[in-house]
Amino acid sequence: MKYFLYLLIITITLVQSSCSSSRFVEPLKKKQHAVGASIGGPLINFGGAIIPTPMSSIVYGYGVDSNLTAFGGLHTTALVFNNIHTDLGITYRFLKQKNKLPSLSSSLNNTIVTSIRTGTTRYWPSIDLNAYWNFSKRKHFWYIGLSNWFELRNNRAHDLEQLQRLLPNPHAGLTLKSKALQFNIEYKLLGLGQNSNDVFVPYQSIVNNEGAMGLYFGITKLF
């Protein structure tokens, strides 16, 4: 158990941009509300099994209009380790699906992490670009996209020079809908360009020991 908690702490510290799946790839309907929860994270080798780290978050969204959704999230696992981790943003759909051409949407997000112990605050802006295809009478959809995080600080951990300002995270996912619920699964490539040989966490990577693969599961209630 101690080993697992140690891995979890290191994971939260090193892979801030992977703490949840994408927020509202498809905008809500006008004046529609949504409350969701997600769990998952980078894949690790734990006791011989490949599992996603169980980082959890909750999110609220509101449909400003049929193409614009505002949202805010709280990363609940971070609270266990005395960090207030929030994200606030919007999703805008600028092109609707036409035959085989997908809908296109973009999310602007602001992630803020404050340490309760030290009062230190970190901020990361990010821009997501997504293409998604609705299918069936329920309008389920699958999607692909790229989340781009921006590192604003000049120094990284241990006061080393910040070498990578842009942190790209490609992703693909599937959302299935019922009348009032949505179920989501998403796969991400995390921390591309970052060497994972120098950390103690046994990340599962497919790109020359760089970054990690991530897996996330989510459920959203619409009302």
C-alpha atoms as a PDB file:
ATOM      1  CA  MET A   1       0.000   0.000   0.000  1.00  0.00           C
ATOM      2  CA  LYS A   2       2.826   2.419   0.842  1.00  0.00           C
ATOM      3  CA  TYR A   3       4.459   1.606  -2.506  1.00  0.00           C
ATOM      4  CA  PHE A   4       1.195   2.351  -4.291  1.00  0.00           C
ATOM      5  CA  LEU A   5       0.749   5.714  -2.519  1.00  0.00           C
ATOM      6  CA  TYR A   6       4.352   6.602  -3.370  1.00  0.00           C
ATOM      7  CA  LEU A   7       3.691   5.914  -7.051  1.00  0.00           C
ATOM      8  CA  LEU A   8       0.529   7.978  -6.892  1.00  0.00           C
ATOM      9  CA  ILE A   9       2.280  10.996  -5.378  1.00  0.00           C
ATOM     10  CA  ILE A  10       5.070  10.882  -7.964  1.00  0.00           C
ATOM     11  CA  THR A  11       2.562  10.469 -10.772  1.00  0.00           C
ATOM     12  CA  ILE A  12       0.510  13.486  -9.700  1.00  0.00           C
ATOM     13  CA  THR A  13       3.662  15.581  -9.416  1.00  0.00           C
ATOM     14  CA  LEU A  14       5.166  14.633 -12.773  1.00  0.00           C
ATOM     15  CA  VAL A  15       2.147  14.346 -15.062  1.00  0.00           C
ATOM     16  CA  GLN A  16      -0.152  17.253 -14.135  1.00  0.00           C
ATOM     17  CA  SER A  17      -1.548  17.402 -17.666  1.00  0.00           C
ATOM     18  CA  SER A  18      -2.976  13.888 -17.486  1.00  0.00           C
ATOM     19  CA  CYS A  19      -5.208  14.129 -14.430  1.00  0.00           C
ATOM     20  CA  SER A  20      -8.486  13.812 -16.339  1.00  0.00           C
ATOM     21  CA  SER A  21      -9.961  13.015 -19.711  1.00  0.00           C
ATOM     22  CA  SER A  22     -10.896  15.785 -22.154  1.00  0.00           C
ATOM     23  CA  ARG A  23     -13.561  18.209 -20.943  1.00  0.00           C
ATOM     24  CA  PHE A  24     -16.700  18.391 -23.137  1.00  0.00           C
ATOM     25  CA  VAL A  25     -15.397  17.486 -26.587  1.00  0.00           C
ATOM     26  CA  GLU A  26     -18.995  17.961 -27.789  1.00  0.00           C
ATOM     27  CA  PRO A  27     -20.717  21.108 -26.436  1.00  0.00           C
ATOM     28  CA  LEU A  28     -23.887  20.754 -24.366  1.00  0.00           C
ATOM     29  CA  LYS A  29     -27.262  21.916 -25.623  1.00  0.00           C
ATOM     30  CA  LYS A  30     -28.273  25.482 -24.843  1.00  0.00           C
ATOM     31  CA  LYS A  31     -29.075  25.926 -21.099  1.00  0.00           C
ATOM     32  CA  GLN A  32     -28.227  22.261 -20.427  1.00  0.00           C
ATOM     33  CA  HIS A  33     -26.379  21.355 -17.215  1.00  0.00           C
ATOM     34  CA  ALA A  34     -23.971  18.459 -16.706  1.00  0.00           C
ATOM     35  CA  VAL A  35     -22.146  16.958 -13.729  1.00  0.00           C
ATOM     36  CA  GLY A  36     -19.464  14.368 -14.380  1.00  0.00           C
ATOM     37  CA  ALA A  37     -16.737  12.304 -12.762  1.00  0.00           C
ATOM     38  CA  SER A  38     -13.682  10.625 -14.240  1.00  0.00           C
ATOM     39  CA  ILE A  39     -10.976   8.286 -13.017  1.00  0.00           C
ATOM     40  CA  GLY A  40      -7.733   7.155 -14.604  1.00  0.00           C
ATOM     41  CA  GLY A  41      -4.244   8.293 -15.456  1.00  0.00           C
ATOM     42  CA  PRO A  42      -0.891   7.111 -16.810  1.00  0.00           C
ATOM     43  CA  LEU A  43      -0.536   3.343 -17.183  1.00  0.00           C
ATOM     44  CA  ILE A  44       1.950   1.773 -14.760  1.00  0.00           C
ATOM     45  CA  ASN A  45       3.245  -1.707 -14.030  1.00  0.00           C
ATOM     46  CA  PHE A  46       1.884  -2.550 -10.578  1.00  0.00           C
ATOM     47  CA  GLY A  47       2.563  -6.029  -9.242  1.00  0.00           C
ATOM     48  CA  GLY A  48       2.930  -7.438 -12.760  1.00  0.00           C
ATOM     49  CA  ALA A  49      -0.350  -5.914 -13.972  1.00  0.00           C
ATOM     50  CA  ILE A  50      -0.692  -2.907 -16.277  1.00  0.00           C
ATOM     51  CA  ILE A  51      -3.210  -0.517 -14.669  1.00  0.00           C
ATOM     52  CA  PRO A  52      -4.112   3.175 -14.943  1.00  0.00           C
ATOM     53  CA  THR A  53      -3.306   5.254 -11.866  1.00  0.00           C
ATOM     54  CA  PRO A  54      -6.641   6.049 -10.141  1.00  0.00           C
ATOM     55  CA  MET A  55      -6.597   9.849 -10.280  1.00  0.00           C
ATOM     56  CA  SER A  56     -10.139  11.183  -9.971  1.00  0.00           C
ATOM     57  CA  SER A  57     -11.868  14.445 -10.796  1.00  0.00           C
ATOM     58  CA  ILE A  58     -15.344  15.968 -10.962  1.00  0.00           C
ATOM     59  CA  VAL A  59     -16.617  18.585 -13.412  1.00  0.00           C
ATOM     60  CA  TYR A  60     -19.637  20.825 -13.958  1.00  0.00           C
ATOM     61  CA  GLY A  61     -20.643  22.185 -17.353  1.00  0.00           C
ATOM     62  CA  TYR A  62     -23.295  24.586 -18.651  1.00  0.00           C
ATOM     63  CA  GLY A  63     -24.449  25.092 -22.229  1.00  0.00           C
ATOM     64  CA  VAL A  64     -24.195  28.829 -22.888  1.00  0.00           C
ATOM     65  CA  ASP A  65     -25.573  28.139 -26.351  1.00  0.00           C
ATOM     66  CA  SER A  66     -25.609  25.148 -28.695  1.00  0.00           C
ATOM     67  CA  ASN A  67     -21.981  25.709 -29.705  1.00  0.00           C
ATOM     68  CA  LEU A  68     -20.460  27.050 -26.464  1.00  0.00           C
ATOM     69  CA  THR A  69     -20.073  25.295 -23.113  1.00  0.00           C
ATOM     70  CA  ALA A  70     -18.451  26.677 -19.957  1.00  0.00           C
ATOM     71  CA  PHE A  71     -17.018  24.265 -17.391  1.00  0.00           C
ATOM     72  CA  GLY A  72     -15.128  23.988 -14.126  1.00  0.00           C
ATOM     73  CA  GLY A  73     -13.439  20.968 -12.579  1.00  0.00           C
ATOM     74  CA  LEU A  74     -11.918  19.851  -9.283  1.00  0.00           C
ATOM     75  CA  HIS A  75      -9.301  17.077  -9.080  1.00  0.00           C
ATOM     76  CA  THR A  76     -10.351  15.156  -5.977  1.00  0.00           C
ATOM     77  CA  THR A  77      -7.337  12.851  -5.655  1.00  0.00           C
ATOM     78  CA  ALA A  78      -5.049  15.883  -5.415  1.00  0.00           C
ATOM     79  CA  LEU A  79      -6.920  16.984  -2.269  1.00  0.00           C
ATOM     80  CA  VAL A  80      -5.699  13.858  -0.459  1.00  0.00           C
ATOM     81  CA  PHE A  81      -2.156  15.155  -0.940  1.00  0.00           C
ATOM     82  CA  ASN A  82      -2.988  18.719   0.169  1.00  0.00           C
ATOM     83  CA  ASN A  83      -3.209  20.212  -3.323  1.00  0.00           C
ATOM     84  CA  ILE A  84      -6.160  22.232  -4.611  1.00  0.00           C
ATOM     85  CA  HIS A  85      -6.184  21.363  -8.308  1.00  0.00           C
ATOM     86  CA  THR A  86      -8.847  23.098 -10.417  1.00  0.00           C
ATOM     87  CA  ASP A  87      -9.491  23.781 -14.077  1.00  0.00           C
ATOM     88  CA  LEU A  88     -11.780  26.367 -15.679  1.00  0.00           C
ATOM     89  CA  GLY A  89     -12.510  26.759 -19.356  1.00  0.00           C
ATOM     90  CA  ILE A  90     -14.809  26.754 -22.363  1.00  0.00           C
ATOM     91  CA  THR A  91     -15.458  24.489 -25.345  1.00  0.00           C
ATOM     92  CA  TYR A  92     -16.544  25.960 -28.675  1.00  0.00           C
ATOM     93  CA  ARG A  93     -17.726  24.026 -31.730  1.00  0.00           C
ATOM     94  CA  PHE A  94     -16.802  25.919 -34.867  1.00  0.00           C
ATOM     95  CA  LEU A  95     -17.829  23.319 -37.456  1.00  0.00           C
ATOM     96  CA  LYS A  96     -20.683  20.810 -37.465  1.00  0.00           C
ATOM     97  CA  GLN A  97     -20.405  17.328 -38.935  1.00  0.00           C
ATOM     98  CA  LYS A  98     -21.356  17.000 -42.584  1.00  0.00           C
ATOM     99  CA  ASN A  99     -21.512  13.463 -43.956  1.00  0.00           C
ATOM    100  CA  LYS A 100     -18.046  12.000 -43.332  1.00  0.00           C
ATOM    101  CA  LEU A 101     -16.504  15.322 -42.380  1.00  0.00           C
ATOM    102  CA  PRO A 102     -16.323  15.572 -38.566  1.00  0.00           C
ATOM    103  CA  SER A 103     -17.468  18.244 -36.176  1.00  0.00           C
ATOM    104  CA  LEU A 104     -14.545  20.355 -34.973  1.00  0.00           C
ATOM    105  CA  SER A 105     -14.278  21.845 -31.496  1.00  0.00           C
ATOM    106  CA  SER A 106     -11.675  23.585 -29.382  1.00  0.00           C
ATOM    107  CA  SER A 107     -11.330  23.905 -25.609  1.00  0.00           C
ATOM    108  CA  LEU A 108      -9.482  26.684 -23.794  1.00  0.00           C
ATOM    109  CA  ASN A 109      -8.557  25.557 -20.291  1.00  0.00           C
ATOM    110  CA  ASN A 110      -6.836  27.108 -17.289  1.00  0.00           C
ATOM    111  CA  THR A 111      -5.358  24.701 -14.747  1.00  0.00           C
ATOM    112  CA  ILE A 112      -4.406  26.030 -11.312  1.00  0.00           C
ATOM    113  CA  VAL A 113      -2.711  23.956  -8.598  1.00  0.00           C
ATOM    114  CA  THR A 114      -2.189  25.402  -5.095  1.00  0.00           C
ATOM    115  CA  SER A 115      -0.310  23.608  -2.331  1.00  0.00           C
ATOM    116  CA  ILE A 116      -2.218  23.819   0.962  1.00  0.00           C
ATOM    117  CA  ARG A 117       1.017  23.222   2.870  1.00  0.00           C
ATOM    118  CA  THR A 118       3.206  25.883   1.258  1.00  0.00           C
ATOM    119  CA  GLY A 119       0.726  28.183  -0.481  1.00  0.00           C
ATOM    120  CA  THR A 120       2.667  27.816  -3.742  1.00  0.00           C
ATOM    121  CA  THR A 121       0.513  28.147  -6.860  1.00  0.00           C
ATOM    122  CA  ARG A 122       1.229  26.846 -10.379  1.00  0.00           C
ATOM    123  CA  TYR A 123      -0.704  27.752 -13.525  1.00  0.00           C
ATOM    124  CA  TRP A 124      -0.891  26.045 -16.922  1.00  0.00           C
ATOM    125  CA  PRO A 125      -2.988  27.311 -19.856  1.00  0.00           C
ATOM    126  CA  SER A 126      -3.932  24.756 -22.504  1.00  0.00           C
ATOM    127  CA  ILE A 127      -5.699  24.505 -25.856  1.00  0.00           C
ATOM    128  CA  ASP A 128      -7.412  21.323 -27.062  1.00  0.00           C
ATOM    129  CA  LEU A 129      -8.353  20.682 -30.682  1.00  0.00           C
ATOM    130  CA  ASN A 130     -10.819  17.861 -31.393  1.00  0.00           C
ATOM    131  CA  ALA A 131     -12.532  16.209 -34.330  1.00  0.00           C
ATOM    132  CA  TYR A 132     -15.559  14.015 -33.554  1.00  0.00           C
ATOM    133  CA  TRP A 133     -18.063  11.912 -35.459  1.00  0.00           C
ATOM    134  CA  ASN A 134     -21.611  11.273 -34.204  1.00  0.00           C
ATOM    135  CA  PHE A 135     -23.253   7.965 -35.048  1.00  0.00           C
ATOM    136  CA  SER A 136     -26.508   6.044 -34.350  1.00  0.00           C
ATOM    137  CA  LYS A 137     -29.852   7.458 -33.215  1.00  0.00           C
ATOM    138  CA  ARG A 138     -28.409   8.256 -29.790  1.00  0.00           C
ATOM    139  CA  LYS A 139     -25.735  10.475 -31.352  1.00  0.00           C
ATOM    140  CA  HIS A 140     -22.874   8.581 -29.708  1.00  0.00           C
ATOM    141  CA  PHE A 141     -19.520   9.886 -30.892  1.00  0.00           C
ATOM    142  CA  TRP A 142     -15.901   8.909 -31.198  1.00  0.00           C
ATOM    143  CA  TYR A 143     -13.159  11.477 -31.381  1.00  0.00           C
ATOM    144  CA  ILE A 144      -9.489  12.221 -31.886  1.00  0.00           C
ATOM    145  CA  GLY A 145      -7.618  15.296 -30.770  1.00  0.00           C
ATOM    146  CA  LEU A 146      -4.570  17.020 -29.403  1.00  0.00           C
ATOM    147  CA  SER A 147      -4.256  18.718 -26.026  1.00  0.00           C
ATOM    148  CA  ASN A 148      -1.516  21.375 -25.932  1.00  0.00           C
ATOM    149  CA  TRP A 149      -0.259  22.485 -22.507  1.00  0.00           C
ATOM    150  CA  PHE A 150       1.987  25.523 -22.113  1.00  0.00           C
ATOM    151  CA  GLU A 151       4.719  25.674 -19.463  1.00  0.00           C
ATOM    152  CA  LEU A 152       5.216  29.299 -18.401  1.00  0.00           C
ATOM    153  CA  ARG A 153       7.871  28.934 -15.714  1.00  0.00           C
ATOM    154  CA  ASN A 154      11.548  29.306 -16.558  1.00  0.00           C
ATOM    155  CA  ASN A 155      12.600  26.536 -14.158  1.00  0.00           C
ATOM    156  CA  ARG A 156      11.355  22.998 -13.632  1.00  0.00           C
ATOM    157  CA  ALA A 157      11.940  20.623 -10.695  1.00  0.00           C
ATOM    158  CA  HIS A 158      15.235  20.956  -8.770  1.00  0.00           C
ATOM    159  CA  ASP A 159      15.659  24.472 -10.224  1.00  0.00           C
ATOM    160  CA  LEU A 160      16.677  23.082 -13.626  1.00  0.00           C
ATOM    161  CA  GLU A 161      16.141  25.106 -16.789  1.00  0.00           C
ATOM    162  CA  GLN A 162      12.768  24.580 -18.448  1.00  0.00           C
ATOM    163  CA  LEU A 163      13.563  23.003 -21.805  1.00  0.00           C
ATOM    164  CA  GLN A 164      10.087  22.159 -23.082  1.00  0.00           C
ATOM    165  CA  ARG A 165       7.505  24.951 -23.233  1.00  0.00           C
ATOM    166  CA  LEU A 166       4.839  23.054 -25.183  1.00  0.00           C
ATOM    167  CA  LEU A 167       3.516  19.744 -23.821  1.00  0.00           C
ATOM    168  CA  PRO A 168       1.426  17.978 -26.507  1.00  0.00           C
ATOM    169  CA  ASN A 169      -0.866  15.088 -25.528  1.00  0.00           C
ATOM    170  CA  PRO A 170      -2.640  13.311 -28.439  1.00  0.00           C
ATOM    171  CA  HIS A 171      -5.821  11.465 -27.481  1.00  0.00           C
ATOM    172  CA  ALA A 172      -8.672   9.356 -28.850  1.00  0.00           C
ATOM    173  CA  GLY A 173     -11.927   8.391 -27.192  1.00  0.00           C
ATOM    174  CA  LEU A 174     -15.493   7.118 -27.373  1.00  0.00           C
ATOM    175  CA  THR A 175     -18.624   8.539 -25.711  1.00  0.00           C
ATOM    176  CA  LEU A 176     -21.808   6.491 -25.470  1.00  0.00           C
ATOM    177  CA  LYS A 177     -25.115   8.158 -24.570  1.00  0.00           C
ATOM    178  CA  SER A 178     -28.318   7.134 -22.852  1.00  0.00           C
ATOM    179  CA  LYS A 179     -31.245   9.479 -22.228  1.00  0.00           C
ATOM    180  CA  ALA A 180     -29.628  11.288 -19.285  1.00  0.00           C
ATOM    181  CA  LEU A 181     -26.151   9.754 -18.965  1.00  0.00           C
ATOM    182  CA  GLN A 182     -22.946   9.685 -20.984  1.00  0.00           C
ATOM    183  CA  PHE A 183     -20.169   7.105 -20.611  1.00  0.00           C
ATOM    184  CA  ASN A 184     -16.665   7.855 -21.833  1.00  0.00           C
ATOM    185  CA  ILE A 185     -13.365   6.057 -22.354  1.00  0.00           C
ATOM    186  CA  GLU A 186     -10.242   7.897 -23.517  1.00  0.00           C
ATOM    187  CA  TYR A 187      -6.680   6.936 -24.396  1.00  0.00           C
ATOM    188  CA  LYS A 188      -3.829   9.480 -24.279  1.00  0.00           C
ATOM    189  CA  LEU A 189      -0.155   9.727 -25.087  1.00  0.00           C
ATOM    190  CA  LEU A 190       1.321  11.822 -22.282  1.00  0.00           C
ATOM    191  CA  GLY A 191       4.493  13.823 -21.847  1.00  0.00           C
ATOM    192  CA  LEU A 192       5.861  13.317 -25.355  1.00  0.00           C
ATOM    193  CA  GLY A 193       9.495  14.394 -25.469  1.00  0.00           C
ATOM    194  CA  GLN A 194       9.955  13.877 -21.725  1.00  0.00           C
ATOM    195  CA  ASN A 195      12.327  11.073 -20.740  1.00  0.00           C
ATOM    196  CA  SER A 196      10.707   8.627 -18.310  1.00  0.00           C
ATOM    197  CA  ASN A 197      13.950   6.782 -17.519  1.00  0.00           C
ATOM    198  CA  ASP A 198      14.832   9.309 -14.830  1.00  0.00           C
ATOM    199  CA  VAL A 199      11.770   8.675 -12.656  1.00  0.00           C
ATOM    200  CA  PHE A 200      10.971   5.794 -10.321  1.00  0.00           C
ATOM    201  CA  VAL A 201       7.451   5.249 -11.606  1.00  0.00           C
ATOM    202  CA  PRO A 202       7.255   2.263 -14.016  1.00  0.00           C
ATOM    203  CA  TYR A 203       5.361   4.147 -16.739  1.00  0.00           C
ATOM    204  CA  GLN A 204       4.182   2.196 -19.770  1.00  0.00           C
ATOM    205  CA  SER A 205       5.361   4.034 -22.888  1.00  0.00           C
ATOM    206  CA  ILE A 206       5.361   3.279 -26.615  1.00  0.00           C
ATOM    207  CA  VAL A 207       7.742   6.046 -27.721  1.00  0.00           C
ATOM    208  CA  ASN A 208      11.339   5.190 -26.778  1.00  0.00           C
ATOM    209  CA  ASN A 209      10.827   5.503 -23.008  1.00  0.00           C
ATOM    210  CA  GLU A 210       9.365   8.972 -23.405  1.00  0.00           C
ATOM    211  CA  GLY A 211       6.243  10.002 -21.508  1.00  0.00           C
ATOM    212  CA  ALA A 212       3.514   7.462 -20.825  1.00  0.00           C
ATOM    213  CA  MET A 213       0.253   6.025 -22.087  1.00  0.00           C
ATOM    214  CA  GLY A 214      -2.904   7.025 -20.223  1.00  0.00           C
ATOM    215  CA  LEU A 215      -6.371   5.508 -19.872  1.00  0.00           C
ATOM    216  CA  TYR A 216      -9.453   7.249 -18.444  1.00  0.00           C
ATOM    217  CA  PHE A 217     -13.081   6.357 -17.709  1.00  0.00           C
ATOM    218  CA  GLY A 218     -15.874   8.866 -17.130  1.00  0.00           C
ATOM    219  CA  ILE A 219     -19.602   9.216 -16.502  1.00  0.00           C
ATOM    220  CA  THR A 220     -21.688  12.374 -16.926  1.00  0.00           C
ATOM    221  CA  LYS A 221     -25.238  13.176 -15.782  1.00  0.00           C
ATOM    222  CA  LEU A 222     -27.221  15.593 -17.955  1.00  0.00           C
ATOM    223  CA  PHE A 223     -30.147  17.675 -16.712  1.00  0.00           C
END
